[in-house]
Amino acid sequence: MHFNVYSYTFYKNKDINLEMIETGNAWFYEYHAKREKEYRKAFKNAQEQKLGLWKEKNPQNPRNFRLENKREE
């Protein structure tokens, strides 16, 4: 069984998760945070502005990468 733990990270009252999404340095999974409108908006903006990982021609969703490159246990 696999569980994902998601949390909000703040430093000096600054939302670090949001900052990472705004700069294109984090992938936003809408199905885990459907009510996070600010995150969704930042994610779309980073994509449109080609920031961070969105500079790449074909950025790969980390989940898809993990599925395609499973570790042997």
C-alpha atoms as a PDB file:
ATOM      1  CA  MET A   1       0.000   0.000   0.000  1.00  0.00           C
ATOM      2  CA  HIS A   2       1.296   3.478  -0.848  1.00  0.00           C
ATOM      3  CA  PHE A   3       0.399   6.730   0.853  1.00  0.00           C
ATOM      4  CA  ASN A   4       1.475  10.238  -0.090  1.00  0.00           C
ATOM      5  CA  VAL A   5       1.901  12.807   2.634  1.00  0.00           C
ATOM      6  CA  TYR A   6       1.361  16.402   1.622  1.00  0.00           C
ATOM      7  CA  SER A   7       2.049  19.379   3.787  1.00  0.00           C
ATOM      8  CA  TYR A   8       2.338  23.117   3.613  1.00  0.00           C
ATOM      9  CA  THR A   9       5.778  24.565   4.148  1.00  0.00           C
ATOM     10  CA  PHE A  10       6.162  28.069   5.535  1.00  0.00           C
ATOM     11  CA  TYR A  11       9.229  30.092   6.406  1.00  0.00           C
ATOM     12  CA  LYS A  12       8.772  33.482   8.037  1.00  0.00           C
ATOM     13  CA  ASN A  13       5.085  33.445   6.993  1.00  0.00           C
ATOM     14  CA  LYS A  14       6.000  32.772   3.352  1.00  0.00           C
ATOM     15  CA  ASP A  15       4.397  29.809   1.566  1.00  0.00           C
ATOM     16  CA  ILE A  16       7.424  27.977   0.170  1.00  0.00           C
ATOM     17  CA  ASN A  17       5.238  25.536  -1.784  1.00  0.00           C
ATOM     18  CA  LEU A  18       3.592  28.431  -3.620  1.00  0.00           C
ATOM     19  CA  GLU A  19       6.939  30.085  -4.296  1.00  0.00           C
ATOM     20  CA  MET A  20       8.311  26.884  -5.822  1.00  0.00           C
ATOM     21  CA  ILE A  21       5.256  26.552  -8.077  1.00  0.00           C
ATOM     22  CA  GLU A  22       5.422  30.239  -9.064  1.00  0.00           C
ATOM     23  CA  THR A  23       9.047  29.889 -10.170  1.00  0.00           C
ATOM     24  CA  GLY A  24       8.410  26.655 -12.081  1.00  0.00           C
ATOM     25  CA  ASN A  25      10.394  24.539  -9.645  1.00  0.00           C
ATOM     26  CA  ALA A  26       7.549  22.277  -8.507  1.00  0.00           C
ATOM     27  CA  TRP A  27       4.836  20.325 -10.253  1.00  0.00           C
ATOM     28  CA  PHE A  28       1.268  21.007  -9.103  1.00  0.00           C
ATOM     29  CA  TYR A  29      -0.984  17.956  -8.834  1.00  0.00           C
ATOM     30  CA  GLU A  30      -4.495  19.322  -9.035  1.00  0.00           C
ATOM     31  CA  TYR A  31      -6.088  16.040  -8.025  1.00  0.00           C
ATOM     32  CA  HIS A  32      -4.345  16.344  -4.634  1.00  0.00           C
ATOM     33  CA  ALA A  33      -5.224  20.001  -4.063  1.00  0.00           C
ATOM     34  CA  LYS A  34      -8.447  20.770  -5.879  1.00  0.00           C
ATOM     35  CA  ARG A  35      -9.219  23.753  -3.664  1.00  0.00           C
ATOM     36  CA  GLU A  36      -5.822  25.414  -4.017  1.00  0.00           C
ATOM     37  CA  LYS A  37      -6.801  28.052  -6.577  1.00  0.00           C
ATOM     38  CA  GLU A  38      -3.711  30.144  -5.881  1.00  0.00           C
ATOM     39  CA  TYR A  39      -1.452  27.141  -6.597  1.00  0.00           C
ATOM     40  CA  ARG A  40      -3.328  26.334  -9.808  1.00  0.00           C
ATOM     41  CA  LYS A  41      -3.032  29.946 -11.004  1.00  0.00           C
ATOM     42  CA  ALA A  42       0.703  30.028 -10.201  1.00  0.00           C
ATOM     43  CA  PHE A  43       1.213  26.701 -12.002  1.00  0.00           C
ATOM     44  CA  LYS A  44      -0.521  27.896 -15.172  1.00  0.00           C
ATOM     45  CA  ASN A  45       1.401  31.185 -15.101  1.00  0.00           C
ATOM     46  CA  ALA A  46       4.754  29.408 -14.723  1.00  0.00           C
ATOM     47  CA  GLN A  47       3.871  27.204 -17.706  1.00  0.00           C
ATOM     48  CA  GLU A  48       2.834  30.163 -19.855  1.00  0.00           C
ATOM     49  CA  GLN A  49       5.933  32.176 -18.912  1.00  0.00           C
ATOM     50  CA  LYS A  50       8.175  29.115 -19.416  1.00  0.00           C
ATOM     51  CA  LEU A  51       9.719  29.395 -15.970  1.00  0.00           C
ATOM     52  CA  GLY A  52      11.865  26.746 -14.296  1.00  0.00           C
ATOM     53  CA  LEU A  53      11.128  23.255 -15.555  1.00  0.00           C
ATOM     54  CA  TRP A  54       8.748  24.733 -18.123  1.00  0.00           C
ATOM     55  CA  LYS A  55      11.777  26.008 -20.072  1.00  0.00           C
ATOM     56  CA  GLU A  56      12.234  22.418 -21.222  1.00  0.00           C
ATOM     57  CA  LYS A  57      10.654  21.396 -24.505  1.00  0.00           C
ATOM     58  CA  ASN A  58       8.835  18.395 -22.992  1.00  0.00           C
ATOM     59  CA  PRO A  59       8.919  18.453 -19.187  1.00  0.00           C
ATOM     60  CA  GLN A  60       7.909  15.093 -17.784  1.00  0.00           C
ATOM     61  CA  ASN A  61       5.454  14.715 -14.958  1.00  0.00           C
ATOM     62  CA  PRO A  62       7.429  13.201 -12.040  1.00  0.00           C
ATOM     63  CA  ARG A  63       4.692  10.630 -11.450  1.00  0.00           C
ATOM     64  CA  ASN A  64       4.971   9.389 -15.037  1.00  0.00           C
ATOM     65  CA  PHE A  65       8.756   9.247 -14.731  1.00  0.00           C
ATOM     66  CA  ARG A  66       8.486   7.090 -11.606  1.00  0.00           C
ATOM     67  CA  LEU A  67       6.004   4.764 -13.301  1.00  0.00           C
ATOM     68  CA  GLU A  68       8.294   4.337 -16.298  1.00  0.00           C
ATOM     69  CA  ASN A  69      11.438   3.867 -14.173  1.00  0.00           C
ATOM     70  CA  LYS A  70      10.391   1.644 -11.301  1.00  0.00           C
ATOM     71  CA  ARG A  71      13.079   0.618  -8.847  1.00  0.00           C
ATOM     72  CA  GLU A  72      13.684  -3.024  -8.232  1.00  0.00           C
ATOM     73  CA  GLU A  73      13.152  -4.005  -4.620  1.00  0.00           C
END
